[in-house]
Amino acid sequence: MRDLSWPYFRLTGVVDKLAVSAEWKSGYLTADPELLDVADLLVDLGEELTVDGVEGTVKAGFGEPVSAVLTLIRSFDQITKVEVAPDAPDVVTRALSACVVVG
C-alpha cells in the first residue's frame, strides 16, 4: 500500500477480456478508455448506486472520489487488485469488501 491518504484509490481488473485500471490521485482520475466507456454508460443512464449496509444511494459519476470509485467498481467485469487509502470513507471500504478480487 502506498502511503497516501483519502482520496486515493487504484483499481485493476478486466473489462471485455482486456486488462484495465483506474486511479484517483491528487484530485485527478485517470483510467483506461475501455473502462471509462462502461462507466460513462452508467453515468448516462443516471444509475443510483447502493452499497450493502450503507443507507442511501450515490449517483454514478466522476465529480468526486466516492461516486467515482463506486461507479468504477460497478464497471469492471472482474477486479483483480485494489489499493485504497486506509482512511477511505466507510461506504468505499464496504463496497470494496463486497468485491470478489481475483488474482
Protein backbone atom coordinates (compact mmCIF):
# COMPACT_ATOMS: atom_id res chain seq x y z
CA MET A 1 0.00 0.00 0.00
CA ARG A 2 1.28 3.42 -0.88
CA ASP A 3 1.49 5.91 1.95
CA LEU A 4 -1.35 8.09 0.68
CA SER A 5 -4.46 9.40 2.34
CA TRP A 6 -8.02 9.65 1.07
CA PRO A 7 -8.90 10.45 -1.60
CA TYR A 8 -6.61 7.89 -3.20
CA PHE A 9 -7.56 4.66 -4.91
CA ARG A 10 -6.31 2.40 -7.66
CA LEU A 11 -8.38 -0.41 -9.15
CA THR A 12 -7.13 -3.00 -11.61
CA GLY A 13 -9.19 -5.61 -13.38
CA VAL A 14 -10.86 -6.76 -16.55
CA VAL A 15 -13.43 -5.28 -18.95
CA ASP A 16 -14.37 -7.26 -22.07
CA LYS A 17 -11.36 -9.55 -21.53
CA LEU A 18 -8.97 -6.56 -21.51
CA ALA A 19 -6.75 -5.64 -18.55
CA VAL A 20 -7.72 -2.14 -17.38
CA SER A 21 -7.11 0.13 -14.42
CA ALA A 22 -8.20 3.40 -12.86
CA GLU A 23 -6.53 5.66 -10.33
CA TRP A 24 -7.67 8.72 -8.37
CA LYS A 25 -4.64 10.63 -7.18
CA SER A 26 -4.03 14.29 -6.35
CA GLY A 27 -7.59 15.19 -7.34
CA TYR A 28 -7.48 13.59 -10.79
CA LEU A 29 -8.98 10.42 -12.21
CA THR A 30 -7.05 8.52 -14.86
CA ALA A 31 -8.46 5.36 -16.38
CA ASP A 32 -8.25 3.18 -19.45
CA PRO A 33 -10.74 4.17 -22.17
CA GLU A 34 -12.42 0.75 -22.22
CA LEU A 35 -13.26 1.08 -18.52
CA LEU A 36 -14.44 4.66 -18.95
CA ASP A 37 -16.76 3.60 -21.80
CA VAL A 38 -18.62 1.27 -19.44
CA ALA A 39 -18.59 3.79 -16.59
CA ASP A 40 -19.86 6.56 -18.89
CA LEU A 41 -22.84 4.38 -19.75
CA LEU A 42 -23.75 4.11 -16.05
CA VAL A 43 -23.47 7.89 -15.73
CA ASP A 44 -25.55 8.49 -18.87
CA LEU A 45 -28.25 6.14 -17.56
CA GLY A 46 -28.35 8.06 -14.27
CA GLU A 47 -27.61 4.95 -12.22
CA GLU A 48 -28.11 5.21 -8.47
CA LEU A 49 -25.51 3.03 -6.76
CA THR A 50 -26.10 1.31 -3.45
CA VAL A 51 -23.78 -0.41 -1.01
CA ASP A 52 -24.94 -3.12 1.39
CA GLY A 53 -25.02 -1.84 4.94
CA VAL A 54 -24.98 1.83 3.92
CA GLU A 55 -28.11 3.92 3.88
CA GLY A 56 -28.96 5.88 0.74
CA THR A 57 -27.64 5.92 -2.80
CA VAL A 58 -24.82 7.57 -4.71
CA LYS A 59 -25.40 8.83 -8.23
CA ALA A 60 -22.94 7.38 -10.75
CA GLY A 61 -20.38 9.98 -11.75
CA PHE A 62 -16.82 11.21 -11.65
CA GLY A 63 -17.17 14.58 -9.92
CA GLU A 64 -15.88 13.41 -6.57
CA PRO A 65 -13.95 10.35 -5.39
CA VAL A 66 -16.75 8.41 -3.67
CA SER A 67 -19.04 8.47 -6.70
CA ALA A 68 -16.07 7.78 -8.99
CA VAL A 69 -14.87 4.70 -7.10
CA LEU A 70 -18.39 3.27 -6.80
CA THR A 71 -19.07 3.89 -10.49
CA LEU A 72 -15.80 2.24 -11.47
CA ILE A 73 -16.34 -0.78 -9.18
CA ARG A 74 -19.64 -1.39 -10.94
CA SER A 75 -17.98 -1.02 -14.37
CA PHE A 76 -15.45 -3.84 -14.10
CA ASP A 77 -16.28 -7.38 -15.22
CA GLN A 78 -13.71 -8.54 -12.68
CA ILE A 79 -11.49 -6.73 -10.19
CA THR A 80 -8.04 -8.22 -9.68
CA LYS A 81 -6.31 -5.66 -7.45
CA VAL A 82 -7.40 -2.88 -5.13
CA GLU A 83 -5.36 -0.13 -3.48
CA VAL A 84 -7.24 2.36 -1.34
CA ALA A 85 -6.17 4.86 1.27
CA PRO A 86 -6.58 3.44 4.78
CA ASP A 87 -8.72 6.41 5.79
CA ALA A 88 -11.27 5.92 2.99
CA PRO A 89 -14.92 6.51 3.93
CA ASP A 90 -16.99 3.58 5.21
CA VAL A 91 -19.11 3.46 2.03
CA VAL A 92 -15.94 2.86 -0.02
CA THR A 93 -14.46 0.19 2.23
CA ARG A 94 -17.82 -1.61 2.37
CA ALA A 95 -18.19 -1.51 -1.41
CA LEU A 96 -14.68 -2.83 -1.90
CA SER A 97 -15.12 -5.56 0.69
CA ALA A 98 -18.13 -6.82 -1.28
CA CYS A 99 -15.98 -7.20 -4.42
CA VAL A 100 -14.53 -10.58 -5.20
CA VAL A 101 -10.91 -9.79 -6.00
CA VAL A 102 -9.46 -12.45 -8.28
CA GLY A 103 -5.76 -12.70 -8.78
